[in-house]
């Protein structure tokens, strides 16, 4: 009987120690107006709606954004459609944030041209830098059986 209990315990421990498959979505905010803390322009608002379409049918547990108008406005249509609160993260503490979200699954992170690729790298996947003109890319990072994969989709409505 003791051997059976030991075997069952080992089996359940092995199951719990296996890496959980995970999916993280990253997007740089969409096209913006000019000025300090600008809002999205008309094209940016259209592209924010395209994010809703791109993630239709995909499981989503949380939405993270920086505190700026352009990132919040990029996340808002999807948050509204899903009934999710937008959680603010500090882009100055990306290493800490990356460690936090590694334990999470099915989340969207809305960032900036400098923070989005940096955060993907902190998650363990190489990706190219973004320029100030790069908008509308959805980065889907998956961890399947301890193998990271990155899919990049163009969401631009232009």
Protein backbone atom coordinates (compact mmCIF):
# COMPACT_ATOMS: atom_id res chain seq x y z
CA UNK A 1 0.00 0.00 0.00
CA UNK A 2 2.86 2.37 0.81
CA UNK A 3 4.39 1.68 -2.61
CA UNK A 4 1.09 2.49 -4.31
CA UNK A 5 0.79 5.79 -2.44
CA UNK A 6 4.40 6.63 -3.29
CA UNK A 7 3.84 5.83 -6.99
CA UNK A 8 0.66 7.91 -7.11
CA UNK A 9 2.42 10.82 -5.41
CA UNK A 10 5.34 10.63 -7.86
CA UNK A 11 2.94 10.50 -10.81
CA UNK A 12 1.05 13.62 -9.72
CA UNK A 13 4.29 15.45 -8.94
CA UNK A 14 5.60 14.63 -12.41
CA UNK A 15 2.41 15.96 -13.98
CA UNK A 16 2.56 19.19 -12.01
CA UNK A 17 6.24 19.75 -12.86
CA UNK A 18 5.72 19.56 -16.62
CA UNK A 19 5.98 22.89 -18.38
CA UNK A 20 2.58 24.32 -19.11
CA UNK A 21 2.06 25.40 -22.71
CA UNK A 22 1.69 29.17 -22.79
CA UNK A 23 0.68 31.92 -25.21
CA UNK A 24 1.52 35.61 -24.95
CA UNK A 25 0.42 38.30 -27.41
CA UNK A 26 2.47 41.46 -27.86
CA UNK A 27 1.59 44.54 -29.89
CA UNK A 28 3.06 47.97 -30.19
CA UNK A 29 0.43 50.70 -29.85
CA UNK A 30 -1.16 51.71 -33.13
CA UNK A 31 -0.69 54.91 -35.16
CA UNK A 32 -0.72 58.03 -33.03
CA UNK A 33 -1.14 61.78 -33.26
CA UNK A 34 1.76 64.06 -32.35
CA UNK A 35 2.55 65.75 -29.05
CA UNK A 36 3.12 64.70 -25.47
CA UNK A 37 1.16 61.57 -24.56
CA UNK A 38 -0.70 61.57 -27.89
CA UNK A 39 -3.96 59.81 -28.65
CA UNK A 40 -4.41 57.40 -31.54
CA UNK A 41 -5.15 58.95 -34.91
CA UNK A 42 -7.99 57.70 -37.12
CA UNK A 43 -5.92 54.91 -38.69
CA UNK A 44 -4.69 53.88 -35.24
CA UNK A 45 -8.26 53.61 -34.02
CA UNK A 46 -9.13 51.41 -37.01
CA UNK A 47 -6.12 49.21 -36.34
CA UNK A 48 -7.07 48.88 -32.67
CA UNK A 49 -10.34 47.39 -33.92
CA UNK A 50 -8.36 44.97 -36.12
CA UNK A 51 -6.79 43.58 -32.94
CA UNK A 52 -10.28 42.54 -31.80
CA UNK A 53 -10.74 40.65 -35.07
CA UNK A 54 -7.27 39.08 -34.97
CA UNK A 55 -7.83 37.65 -31.48
CA UNK A 56 -11.44 36.59 -32.03
CA UNK A 57 -11.86 33.05 -30.72
CA UNK A 58 -8.50 33.16 -28.91
CA UNK A 59 -8.48 32.70 -25.16
CA UNK A 60 -7.42 35.84 -23.32
CA UNK A 61 -7.12 36.11 -19.53
CA UNK A 62 -5.53 39.54 -19.07
CA UNK A 63 -4.60 42.68 -20.97
CA UNK A 64 -1.58 44.73 -19.93
CA UNK A 65 -0.74 48.24 -21.14
CA UNK A 66 1.51 51.10 -20.20
CA UNK A 67 -0.23 54.17 -18.77
CA UNK A 68 -0.03 56.24 -21.97
CA UNK A 69 -3.06 57.31 -24.03
CA UNK A 70 -1.83 55.57 -27.20
CA UNK A 71 -1.33 52.18 -25.53
CA UNK A 72 -4.53 52.34 -23.51
CA UNK A 73 -6.52 53.32 -26.61
CA UNK A 74 -4.91 50.43 -28.53
CA UNK A 75 -6.06 47.98 -25.84
CA UNK A 76 -9.49 49.44 -25.07
CA UNK A 77 -11.60 47.98 -27.93
CA UNK A 78 -10.43 44.45 -27.11
CA UNK A 79 -10.79 44.97 -23.36
CA UNK A 80 -14.32 46.27 -23.87
CA UNK A 81 -15.26 43.41 -26.18
CA UNK A 82 -13.90 40.83 -23.71
CA UNK A 83 -15.05 42.53 -20.51
CA UNK A 84 -11.47 42.66 -19.21
CA UNK A 85 -9.81 45.35 -17.13
CA UNK A 86 -6.61 46.85 -18.56
CA UNK A 87 -3.77 46.30 -16.10
CA UNK A 88 -1.04 48.96 -16.09
CA UNK A 89 2.61 47.86 -16.12
CA UNK A 90 5.74 49.96 -15.74
CA UNK A 91 7.84 49.96 -18.95
CA UNK A 92 10.86 51.05 -16.89
CA UNK A 93 10.79 47.68 -15.07
CA UNK A 94 10.64 45.28 -18.02
CA UNK A 95 12.87 42.57 -16.54
CA UNK A 96 10.65 42.33 -13.46
CA UNK A 97 7.52 42.38 -15.62
CA UNK A 98 8.89 39.64 -17.91
CA UNK A 99 9.46 37.35 -14.94
CA UNK A 100 5.91 38.05 -13.76
CA UNK A 101 4.23 37.26 -17.07
CA UNK A 102 6.27 34.11 -17.69
CA UNK A 103 4.01 32.49 -15.09
CA UNK A 104 0.86 33.73 -16.85
CA UNK A 105 -0.93 32.47 -19.92
CA UNK A 106 -3.17 33.86 -22.66
CA UNK A 107 -2.33 37.51 -22.10
CA UNK A 108 -1.93 40.58 -24.29
CA UNK A 109 0.78 43.15 -23.65
CA UNK A 110 0.51 46.53 -25.41
CA UNK A 111 3.79 48.43 -25.50
CA UNK A 112 6.02 50.67 -27.56
CA UNK A 113 8.56 50.42 -30.39
CA UNK A 114 11.40 50.03 -27.89
CA UNK A 115 9.71 47.98 -25.17
CA UNK A 116 7.84 45.40 -27.26
CA UNK A 117 10.92 43.75 -28.85
CA UNK A 118 12.87 44.11 -25.61
CA UNK A 119 10.13 42.34 -23.66
CA UNK A 120 9.96 39.51 -26.22
CA UNK A 121 13.73 39.07 -25.84
CA UNK A 122 13.40 38.99 -22.05
CA UNK A 123 10.90 36.17 -22.54
CA UNK A 124 13.67 34.23 -24.31
CA UNK A 125 12.95 34.80 -28.01
CA UNK A 126 15.02 36.87 -30.42
CA UNK A 127 13.22 39.42 -32.58
CA UNK A 128 14.16 42.45 -34.66
CA UNK A 129 13.93 45.98 -33.35
CA UNK A 130 10.96 48.14 -34.34
CA UNK A 131 11.34 51.58 -35.87
CA UNK A 132 9.16 54.58 -35.12
CA UNK A 133 7.26 53.79 -38.35
CA UNK A 134 6.52 50.14 -37.47
CA UNK A 135 2.88 49.78 -36.48
CA UNK A 136 0.31 47.04 -36.63
CA UNK A 137 2.30 43.90 -35.93
CA UNK A 138 0.88 41.28 -33.59
CA UNK A 139 3.58 39.08 -32.07
CA UNK A 140 2.30 35.73 -30.81
CA UNK A 141 4.84 33.99 -28.59
CA UNK A 142 4.08 30.41 -27.67
CA UNK A 143 5.86 28.01 -25.36
CA UNK A 144 4.92 24.50 -26.41
CA UNK A 145 6.73 21.67 -24.65
CA UNK A 146 9.53 24.07 -23.64
CA UNK A 147 9.96 25.24 -27.26
CA UNK A 148 9.47 28.96 -27.91
CA UNK A 149 7.93 30.00 -31.23
CA UNK A 150 7.16 33.48 -32.52
CA UNK A 151 4.53 34.29 -35.14
CA UNK A 152 4.28 37.85 -36.49
CA UNK A 153 1.05 39.02 -38.15
CA UNK A 154 0.34 42.31 -39.88
CA UNK A 155 -2.87 43.90 -38.58
CA UNK A 156 -2.74 47.20 -40.44
CA UNK A 157 -5.96 48.33 -42.04
CA UNK A 158 -4.23 50.78 -44.44
